[in-house]
Amino acid sequence: MYPKIICIFMTIVCLTLYSANASAQVLEEPVPYIKSTEQWSVQLSKSVSENLSNEKPKSDAYNEYSLLIRNTGEARNNVTVEAYRNEPNSHTKYGLWSSSIGHVQSGGIAFEHTNLPVGIMADTLLIDVMWEDSATKNGRKFKQTFAFAVNR
C-alpha cells in the first residue's frame, strides 16, 4: 500500500517539475534577435537611445527597438530597406518607413536605426531588404523578408 502511494506521489512531483521547466523555456527569446541568410544579417534589439537617456518610451503607446542590417554576402546595388508592422484582427501590414540605400559593400553595414518605435498592439515586425544583382544586364531584383515577434 505504501509503495503505491509513494510511487504515485513521486510521479505527480516529477510531472509538475517537468511542466514548469518546459513553460519557463518558452516564455522569452534571447535579445537581441538575430536572423541571417547568405546575403544579410538583421539584428533587432532594445533601443540604444532607451539605454543612453533617462527618457523612456511611452509604454502605453509603443516600444522602441534598435535595428542593424549587415551585408554578409557579395556587394549589392540599389539596396532598399522597408519596415512593416501588423495590426490585430487585420491582414493588412502597415508601413513604418522605407529607405533607399544604394550600393552596399560586402561585409558592410547596410542600414542602422537606433530608435525604431513599434506600437504595442503590433506583434510582428517585418523587415524587407531589396536589391539588384549587378551581374545581370538589366539588374534582376531580389527581396528577402525577415519577420520578428515583438511586444510579447
N, C-alpha and C. Protein backbone atom coordinates (compact mmCIF):
# COMPACT_ATOMS: atom_id res chain seq x y z
N MET A 1 0.82 -1.19 0.00
CA MET A 1 0.00 0.00 0.00
C MET A 1 0.87 1.26 0.00
N TYR A 2 1.83 1.33 0.93
CA TYR A 2 2.71 2.49 1.00
C TYR A 2 3.58 2.66 -0.25
N PRO A 3 4.12 1.60 -0.82
CA PRO A 3 4.91 1.80 -2.04
C PRO A 3 4.09 2.38 -3.20
N LYS A 4 2.82 2.02 -3.31
CA LYS A 4 1.97 2.57 -4.38
C LYS A 4 1.73 4.06 -4.16
N ILE A 5 1.48 4.47 -2.93
CA ILE A 5 1.24 5.88 -2.61
C ILE A 5 2.50 6.69 -2.89
N ILE A 6 3.65 6.17 -2.49
CA ILE A 6 4.92 6.86 -2.71
C ILE A 6 5.18 6.98 -4.21
N CYS A 7 4.91 5.93 -4.96
CA CYS A 7 5.12 5.94 -6.42
C CYS A 7 4.21 6.98 -7.09
N ILE A 8 2.95 7.02 -6.70
CA ILE A 8 2.02 8.00 -7.27
C ILE A 8 2.45 9.42 -6.91
N PHE A 9 2.85 9.64 -5.66
CA PHE A 9 3.30 10.96 -5.22
C PHE A 9 4.54 11.40 -6.01
N MET A 10 5.50 10.52 -6.20
CA MET A 10 6.72 10.85 -6.94
C MET A 10 6.42 11.16 -8.40
N THR A 11 5.48 10.44 -8.99
CA THR A 11 5.08 10.69 -10.38
C THR A 11 4.47 12.08 -10.52
N ILE A 12 3.60 12.45 -9.59
CA ILE A 12 2.98 13.77 -9.63
C ILE A 12 4.03 14.86 -9.48
N VAL A 13 4.98 14.70 -8.57
CA VAL A 13 6.04 15.68 -8.36
C VAL A 13 6.90 15.81 -9.61
N CYS A 14 7.27 14.71 -10.22
CA CYS A 14 8.11 14.76 -11.44
C CYS A 14 7.39 15.44 -12.59
N LEU A 15 6.12 15.13 -12.79
CA LEU A 15 5.36 15.76 -13.87
C LEU A 15 5.19 17.26 -13.64
N THR A 16 4.99 17.66 -12.41
CA THR A 16 4.85 19.08 -12.09
C THR A 16 6.14 19.83 -12.36
N LEU A 17 7.27 19.28 -11.94
CA LEU A 17 8.56 19.92 -12.17
C LEU A 17 8.90 19.98 -13.65
N TYR A 18 8.61 18.93 -14.39
CA TYR A 18 8.90 18.89 -15.82
C TYR A 18 8.07 19.93 -16.57
N SER A 19 6.79 20.05 -16.28
CA SER A 19 5.94 21.01 -16.99
C SER A 19 6.31 22.45 -16.64
N ALA A 20 6.72 22.72 -15.42
CA ALA A 20 7.14 24.07 -15.02
C ALA A 20 8.41 24.46 -15.74
N ASN A 21 9.33 23.52 -15.90
CA ASN A 21 10.58 23.78 -16.59
C ASN A 21 10.34 24.03 -18.07
N ALA A 22 9.46 23.29 -18.70
CA ALA A 22 9.17 23.45 -20.12
C ALA A 22 8.53 24.80 -20.39
N SER A 23 7.63 25.24 -19.56
CA SER A 23 6.97 26.54 -19.80
C SER A 23 7.94 27.69 -19.58
N ALA A 24 8.91 27.56 -18.70
CA ALA A 24 9.88 28.61 -18.47
C ALA A 24 10.80 28.79 -19.67
N GLN A 25 11.06 27.74 -20.42
CA GLN A 25 11.94 27.83 -21.58
C GLN A 25 11.26 28.53 -22.75
N VAL A 26 9.96 28.50 -22.85
CA VAL A 26 9.24 29.06 -23.98
C VAL A 26 8.94 30.54 -23.80
N LEU A 27 8.94 31.06 -22.60
CA LEU A 27 8.45 32.40 -22.34
C LEU A 27 9.24 33.51 -23.01
N GLU A 28 10.54 33.43 -23.07
CA GLU A 28 11.30 34.57 -23.56
C GLU A 28 12.39 34.14 -24.53
N GLU A 29 12.46 34.82 -25.67
CA GLU A 29 13.52 34.59 -26.63
C GLU A 29 14.71 35.48 -26.26
N PRO A 30 15.91 35.07 -26.66
CA PRO A 30 17.07 35.90 -26.32
C PRO A 30 17.05 37.23 -27.07
N VAL A 31 17.50 38.29 -26.40
CA VAL A 31 17.63 39.60 -27.02
C VAL A 31 19.12 39.86 -27.14
N PRO A 32 19.65 40.28 -28.24
CA PRO A 32 18.97 40.70 -29.45
C PRO A 32 18.52 39.52 -30.30
N TYR A 33 17.51 39.78 -31.10
CA TYR A 33 17.04 38.79 -32.07
C TYR A 33 17.88 38.96 -33.32
N ILE A 34 18.48 37.88 -33.80
CA ILE A 34 19.32 37.95 -34.99
C ILE A 34 18.83 36.90 -35.98
N LYS A 35 18.57 37.36 -37.20
CA LYS A 35 18.18 36.44 -38.28
C LYS A 35 19.14 36.68 -39.43
N SER A 36 19.64 35.59 -40.01
CA SER A 36 20.65 35.71 -41.05
C SER A 36 20.33 34.81 -42.24
N THR A 37 20.77 35.27 -43.40
CA THR A 37 20.74 34.48 -44.62
C THR A 37 22.15 34.53 -45.22
N GLU A 38 22.30 33.98 -46.41
CA GLU A 38 23.62 34.02 -47.05
C GLU A 38 24.00 35.43 -47.48
N GLN A 39 23.01 36.33 -47.57
CA GLN A 39 23.27 37.69 -48.05
C GLN A 39 23.19 38.75 -46.95
N TRP A 40 22.27 38.59 -45.97
CA TRP A 40 22.02 39.64 -44.98
C TRP A 40 21.96 39.09 -43.57
N SER A 41 22.34 39.91 -42.62
CA SER A 41 22.17 39.63 -41.19
C SER A 41 21.40 40.80 -40.60
N VAL A 42 20.24 40.50 -39.99
CA VAL A 42 19.38 41.53 -39.43
C VAL A 42 19.30 41.32 -37.92
N GLN A 43 19.63 42.36 -37.17
CA GLN A 43 19.63 42.29 -35.70
C GLN A 43 18.64 43.30 -35.15
N LEU A 44 17.70 42.81 -34.33
CA LEU A 44 16.72 43.66 -33.66
C LEU A 44 16.97 43.54 -32.16
N SER A 45 17.20 44.67 -31.51
CA SER A 45 17.49 44.65 -30.08
C SER A 45 16.78 45.81 -29.40
N LYS A 46 16.97 45.92 -28.09
CA LYS A 46 16.39 47.05 -27.36
C LYS A 46 16.99 48.34 -27.88
N SER A 47 16.22 49.40 -27.80
CA SER A 47 16.64 50.69 -28.33
C SER A 47 17.91 51.19 -27.66
N VAL A 48 18.83 51.67 -28.48
CA VAL A 48 20.08 52.23 -27.95
C VAL A 48 19.78 53.52 -27.20
N SER A 49 18.90 54.36 -27.73
CA SER A 49 18.59 55.63 -27.06
C SER A 49 17.89 55.41 -25.73
N GLU A 50 17.15 54.30 -25.62
CA GLU A 50 16.48 53.99 -24.35
C GLU A 50 17.52 53.70 -23.27
N ASN A 51 18.64 53.07 -23.66
CA ASN A 51 19.69 52.74 -22.70
C ASN A 51 20.54 53.96 -22.35
N LEU A 52 20.64 54.96 -23.26
CA LEU A 52 21.53 56.09 -23.04
C LEU A 52 20.89 57.27 -22.31
N SER A 53 19.58 57.42 -22.42
CA SER A 53 18.95 58.60 -21.84
C SER A 53 18.00 58.21 -20.72
N ASN A 54 17.58 59.23 -19.97
CA ASN A 54 16.61 58.99 -18.90
C ASN A 54 15.19 58.96 -19.43
N GLU A 55 14.99 59.42 -20.67
CA GLU A 55 13.66 59.40 -21.25
C GLU A 55 13.28 57.98 -21.63
N LYS A 56 12.12 57.57 -21.23
CA LYS A 56 11.62 56.24 -21.54
C LYS A 56 10.53 56.37 -22.59
N PRO A 57 10.35 55.35 -23.45
CA PRO A 57 9.27 55.43 -24.42
C PRO A 57 7.92 55.39 -23.72
N LYS A 58 6.92 55.88 -24.41
CA LYS A 58 5.57 55.83 -23.87
C LYS A 58 5.12 54.38 -23.88
N SER A 59 5.22 53.72 -22.74
CA SER A 59 4.96 52.29 -22.67
C SER A 59 3.52 51.93 -22.98
N ASP A 60 2.60 52.91 -22.90
CA ASP A 60 1.22 52.62 -23.23
C ASP A 60 0.93 52.82 -24.71
N ALA A 61 1.90 53.31 -25.49
CA ALA A 61 1.69 53.56 -26.92
C ALA A 61 2.63 52.73 -27.81
N TYR A 62 3.90 52.63 -27.45
CA TYR A 62 4.86 51.92 -28.30
C TYR A 62 6.07 51.47 -27.49
N ASN A 63 6.81 50.52 -28.07
CA ASN A 63 8.10 50.08 -27.55
C ASN A 63 9.15 50.44 -28.58
N GLU A 64 10.36 50.73 -28.12
CA GLU A 64 11.44 51.15 -29.02
C GLU A 64 12.43 50.01 -29.21
N TYR A 65 12.89 49.88 -30.46
CA TYR A 65 13.87 48.87 -30.82
C TYR A 65 15.00 49.51 -31.59
N SER A 66 16.10 48.79 -31.70
CA SER A 66 17.24 49.21 -32.49
C SER A 66 17.43 48.16 -33.59
N LEU A 67 17.71 48.61 -34.81
CA LEU A 67 17.82 47.71 -35.95
C LEU A 67 19.17 47.89 -36.62
N LEU A 68 19.83 46.78 -36.93
CA LEU A 68 21.12 46.81 -37.62
C LEU A 68 21.08 45.76 -38.73
N ILE A 69 21.34 46.19 -39.96
CA ILE A 69 21.36 45.27 -41.11
C ILE A 69 22.76 45.28 -41.69
N ARG A 70 23.35 44.10 -41.81
CA ARG A 70 24.71 43.95 -42.30
C ARG A 70 24.70 43.06 -43.55
N ASN A 71 25.51 43.45 -44.54
CA ASN A 71 25.66 42.65 -45.75
C ASN A 71 26.70 41.57 -45.49
N THR A 72 26.28 40.31 -45.49
CA THR A 72 27.20 39.20 -45.22
C THR A 72 27.61 38.48 -46.49
N GLY A 73 27.07 38.92 -47.64
CA GLY A 73 27.39 38.28 -48.92
C GLY A 73 28.17 39.22 -49.82
N GLU A 74 27.89 39.12 -51.11
CA GLU A 74 28.57 39.95 -52.11
C GLU A 74 28.03 41.38 -52.07
N ALA A 75 28.79 42.31 -52.66
CA ALA A 75 28.35 43.70 -52.76
C ALA A 75 27.07 43.76 -53.59
N ARG A 76 26.14 44.64 -53.20
CA ARG A 76 24.85 44.74 -53.88
C ARG A 76 24.54 46.20 -54.25
N ASN A 77 23.74 46.36 -55.31
CA ASN A 77 23.37 47.68 -55.81
C ASN A 77 21.90 47.97 -55.55
N ASN A 78 21.56 49.26 -55.52
CA ASN A 78 20.18 49.73 -55.36
C ASN A 78 19.46 49.05 -54.19
N VAL A 79 20.10 49.01 -53.05
CA VAL A 79 19.53 48.37 -51.86
C VAL A 79 18.48 49.29 -51.25
N THR A 80 17.34 48.71 -50.90
CA THR A 80 16.26 49.43 -50.24
C THR A 80 15.81 48.60 -49.04
N VAL A 81 15.54 49.27 -47.92
CA VAL A 81 15.06 48.60 -46.72
C VAL A 81 13.71 49.20 -46.35
N GLU A 82 12.75 48.32 -46.04
CA GLU A 82 11.42 48.76 -45.63
C GLU A 82 11.00 48.00 -44.38
N ALA A 83 10.21 48.65 -43.53
CA ALA A 83 9.71 48.02 -42.31
C ALA A 83 8.19 48.10 -42.29
N TYR A 84 7.57 47.01 -41.83
CA TYR A 84 6.12 46.93 -41.72
C TYR A 84 5.76 46.32 -40.37
N ARG A 85 4.59 46.69 -39.87
CA ARG A 85 4.07 46.07 -38.65
C ARG A 85 2.65 45.61 -38.94
N ASN A 86 2.16 44.69 -38.13
CA ASN A 86 0.79 44.23 -38.29
C ASN A 86 -0.12 44.97 -37.32
N GLU A 87 -1.40 44.77 -37.48
CA GLU A 87 -2.42 45.34 -36.61
C GLU A 87 -3.33 44.18 -36.20
N PRO A 88 -3.76 44.10 -34.95
CA PRO A 88 -4.62 42.99 -34.54
C PRO A 88 -5.88 42.90 -35.40
N ASN A 89 -6.30 41.69 -35.68
CA ASN A 89 -7.52 41.39 -36.44
C ASN A 89 -7.51 42.00 -37.84
N SER A 90 -6.34 42.10 -38.46
CA SER A 90 -6.24 42.64 -39.81
C SER A 90 -5.18 41.87 -40.59
N HIS A 91 -5.43 41.65 -41.86
CA HIS A 91 -4.44 41.01 -42.72
C HIS A 91 -3.51 42.03 -43.37
N THR A 92 -3.80 43.30 -43.17
CA THR A 92 -3.02 44.37 -43.76
C THR A 92 -1.78 44.66 -42.92
N LYS A 93 -0.65 44.87 -43.59
CA LYS A 93 0.58 45.28 -42.93
C LYS A 93 0.75 46.78 -43.14
N TYR A 94 1.14 47.51 -42.11
CA TYR A 94 1.28 48.95 -42.16
C TYR A 94 2.75 49.33 -42.26
N GLY A 95 3.07 50.15 -43.27
CA GLY A 95 4.45 50.56 -43.49
C GLY A 95 4.91 51.54 -42.42
N LEU A 96 6.11 51.32 -41.89
CA LEU A 96 6.71 52.22 -40.91
C LEU A 96 7.64 53.21 -41.61
N TRP A 97 8.47 52.73 -42.53
CA TRP A 97 9.38 53.57 -43.28
C TRP A 97 9.98 52.79 -44.43
N SER A 98 10.56 53.53 -45.36
CA SER A 98 11.28 52.95 -46.49
C SER A 98 12.53 53.79 -46.69
N SER A 99 13.67 53.12 -46.89
CA SER A 99 14.93 53.85 -47.04
C SER A 99 15.71 53.28 -48.22
N SER A 100 16.01 54.13 -49.18
CA SER A 100 16.83 53.74 -50.32
C SER A 100 18.29 53.97 -49.95
N ILE A 101 19.08 52.92 -50.01
CA ILE A 101 20.47 53.00 -49.53
C ILE A 101 21.47 53.13 -50.67
N GLY A 102 21.22 52.44 -51.77
CA GLY A 102 22.16 52.48 -52.90
C GLY A 102 23.09 51.28 -52.86
N HIS A 103 24.39 51.51 -53.09
CA HIS A 103 25.38 50.43 -53.14
C HIS A 103 25.85 50.07 -51.73
N VAL A 104 25.94 48.76 -51.45
CA VAL A 104 26.41 48.29 -50.15
C VAL A 104 27.54 47.29 -50.38
N GLN A 105 28.69 47.57 -49.79
CA GLN A 105 29.86 46.70 -49.92
C GLN A 105 29.68 45.40 -49.13
N SER A 106 30.40 44.38 -49.52
CA SER A 106 30.39 43.11 -48.80
C SER A 106 30.96 43.31 -47.40
N GLY A 107 30.25 42.81 -46.39
CA GLY A 107 30.70 42.92 -45.01
C GLY A 107 30.37 44.25 -44.37
N GLY A 108 29.77 45.16 -45.11
CA GLY A 108 29.47 46.49 -44.58
C GLY A 108 28.10 46.56 -43.93
N ILE A 109 27.92 47.60 -43.14
CA ILE A 109 26.62 47.87 -42.52
C ILE A 109 25.76 48.55 -43.58
N ALA A 110 24.64 47.91 -43.90
CA ALA A 110 23.75 48.45 -44.92
C ALA A 110 22.82 49.50 -44.33
N PHE A 111 22.39 49.28 -43.09
CA PHE A 111 21.40 50.18 -42.51
C PHE A 111 21.44 50.07 -41.00
N GLU A 112 21.23 51.20 -40.32
CA GLU A 112 21.17 51.21 -38.86
C GLU A 112 20.09 52.20 -38.42
N HIS A 113 19.24 51.75 -37.53
CA HIS A 113 18.16 52.60 -36.99
C HIS A 113 18.20 52.40 -35.47
N THR A 114 18.54 53.44 -34.73
CA THR A 114 18.75 53.29 -33.29
C THR A 114 17.50 53.49 -32.46
N ASN A 115 16.44 54.05 -33.05
CA ASN A 115 15.24 54.34 -32.29
C ASN A 115 14.01 54.03 -33.15
N LEU A 116 13.61 52.77 -33.19
CA LEU A 116 12.51 52.33 -34.03
C LEU A 116 11.27 52.07 -33.17
N PRO A 117 10.30 52.99 -33.15
CA PRO A 117 9.10 52.76 -32.34
C PRO A 117 8.13 51.81 -33.04
N VAL A 118 7.61 50.85 -32.29
CA VAL A 118 6.62 49.90 -32.80
C VAL A 118 5.46 49.92 -31.83
N GLY A 119 4.25 50.18 -32.34
CA GLY A 119 3.06 50.24 -31.50
C GLY A 119 2.86 48.97 -30.69
N ILE A 120 2.36 49.11 -29.46
CA ILE A 120 2.23 47.96 -28.57
C ILE A 120 1.20 46.95 -29.03
N MET A 121 0.29 47.35 -29.92
CA MET A 121 -0.71 46.41 -30.42
C MET A 121 -0.13 45.47 -31.48
N ALA A 122 0.99 45.84 -32.08
CA ALA A 122 1.64 45.01 -33.10
C ALA A 122 2.37 43.86 -32.42
N ASP A 123 2.32 42.69 -33.05
CA ASP A 123 3.10 41.57 -32.52
C ASP A 123 4.10 41.02 -33.53
N THR A 124 4.11 41.59 -34.75
CA THR A 124 5.06 41.16 -35.77
C THR A 124 5.66 42.38 -36.45
N LEU A 125 6.97 42.37 -36.60
CA LEU A 125 7.69 43.40 -37.34
C LEU A 125 8.36 42.72 -38.53
N LEU A 126 8.05 43.20 -39.74
CA LEU A 126 8.64 42.65 -40.96
C LEU A 126 9.66 43.63 -41.51
N ILE A 127 10.85 43.13 -41.82
CA ILE A 127 11.90 43.93 -42.43
C ILE A 127 12.15 43.35 -43.82
N ASP A 128 11.90 44.15 -44.85
CA ASP A 128 12.15 43.74 -46.23
C ASP A 128 13.44 44.38 -46.71
N VAL A 129 14.35 43.56 -47.25
CA VAL A 129 15.59 44.06 -47.84
C VAL A 129 15.52 43.70 -49.32
N MET A 130 15.58 44.72 -50.19
CA MET A 130 15.50 44.53 -51.63
C MET A 130 16.77 45.06 -52.27
N TRP A 131 17.21 44.40 -53.34
CA TRP A 131 18.41 44.82 -54.03
C TRP A 131 18.39 44.34 -55.47
N GLU A 132 19.35 44.83 -56.26
CA GLU A 132 19.50 44.41 -57.64
C GLU A 132 20.85 43.73 -57.81
N ASP A 133 20.86 42.74 -58.70
CA ASP A 133 22.08 41.99 -59.00
C ASP A 133 22.81 42.70 -60.12
N SER A 134 24.04 43.08 -59.89
CA SER A 134 24.81 43.80 -60.91
C SER A 134 25.41 42.85 -61.95
N ALA A 135 25.36 41.54 -61.71
CA ALA A 135 25.94 40.59 -62.65
C ALA A 135 25.09 40.45 -63.91
N THR A 136 23.79 40.70 -63.81
CA THR A 136 22.93 40.59 -64.99
C THR A 136 22.83 41.94 -65.68
N LYS A 137 22.51 41.91 -66.97
CA LYS A 137 22.48 43.13 -67.78
C LYS A 137 21.43 44.12 -67.29
N ASN A 138 20.23 43.65 -66.96
CA ASN A 138 19.14 44.54 -66.56
C ASN A 138 19.03 44.70 -65.04
N GLY A 139 19.88 44.09 -64.29
CA GLY A 139 19.84 44.21 -62.84
C GLY A 139 18.62 43.53 -62.23
N ARG A 140 18.61 42.22 -62.21
CA ARG A 140 17.48 41.45 -61.66
C ARG A 140 17.23 41.85 -60.21
N LYS A 141 15.95 41.96 -59.84
CA LYS A 141 15.58 42.39 -58.49
C LYS A 141 15.40 41.18 -57.57
N PHE A 142 15.81 41.36 -56.31
CA PHE A 142 15.69 40.33 -55.28
C PHE A 142 15.10 40.94 -54.01
N LYS A 143 14.51 40.10 -53.18
CA LYS A 143 13.93 40.57 -51.93
C LYS A 143 14.00 39.45 -50.90
N GLN A 144 14.36 39.81 -49.67
CA GLN A 144 14.30 38.89 -48.55
C GLN A 144 13.53 39.58 -47.43
N THR A 145 12.66 38.81 -46.77
CA THR A 145 11.84 39.33 -45.67
C THR A 145 12.25 38.65 -44.37
N PHE A 146 12.43 39.45 -43.35
CA PHE A 146 12.78 38.93 -42.01
C PHE A 146 11.65 39.29 -41.07
N ALA A 147 11.08 38.30 -40.41
CA ALA A 147 9.94 38.51 -39.50
C ALA A 147 10.42 38.36 -38.06
N PHE A 148 10.04 39.32 -37.23
CA PHE A 148 10.40 39.31 -35.81
C PHE A 148 9.13 39.39 -34.96
N ALA A 149 9.06 38.56 -33.94
CA ALA A 149 7.98 38.64 -32.96
C ALA A 149 8.34 39.73 -31.96
N VAL A 150 7.48 40.75 -31.82
CA VAL A 150 7.74 41.87 -30.92
C VAL A 150 6.57 42.02 -29.94
N ASN A 151 6.83 42.75 -28.86
CA ASN A 151 5.81 43.11 -27.87
C ASN A 151 5.14 41.88 -27.25
N ARG A 152 5.88 40.83 -27.05
CA ARG A 152 5.28 39.62 -26.43
C ARG A 152 5.82 39.41 -25.06
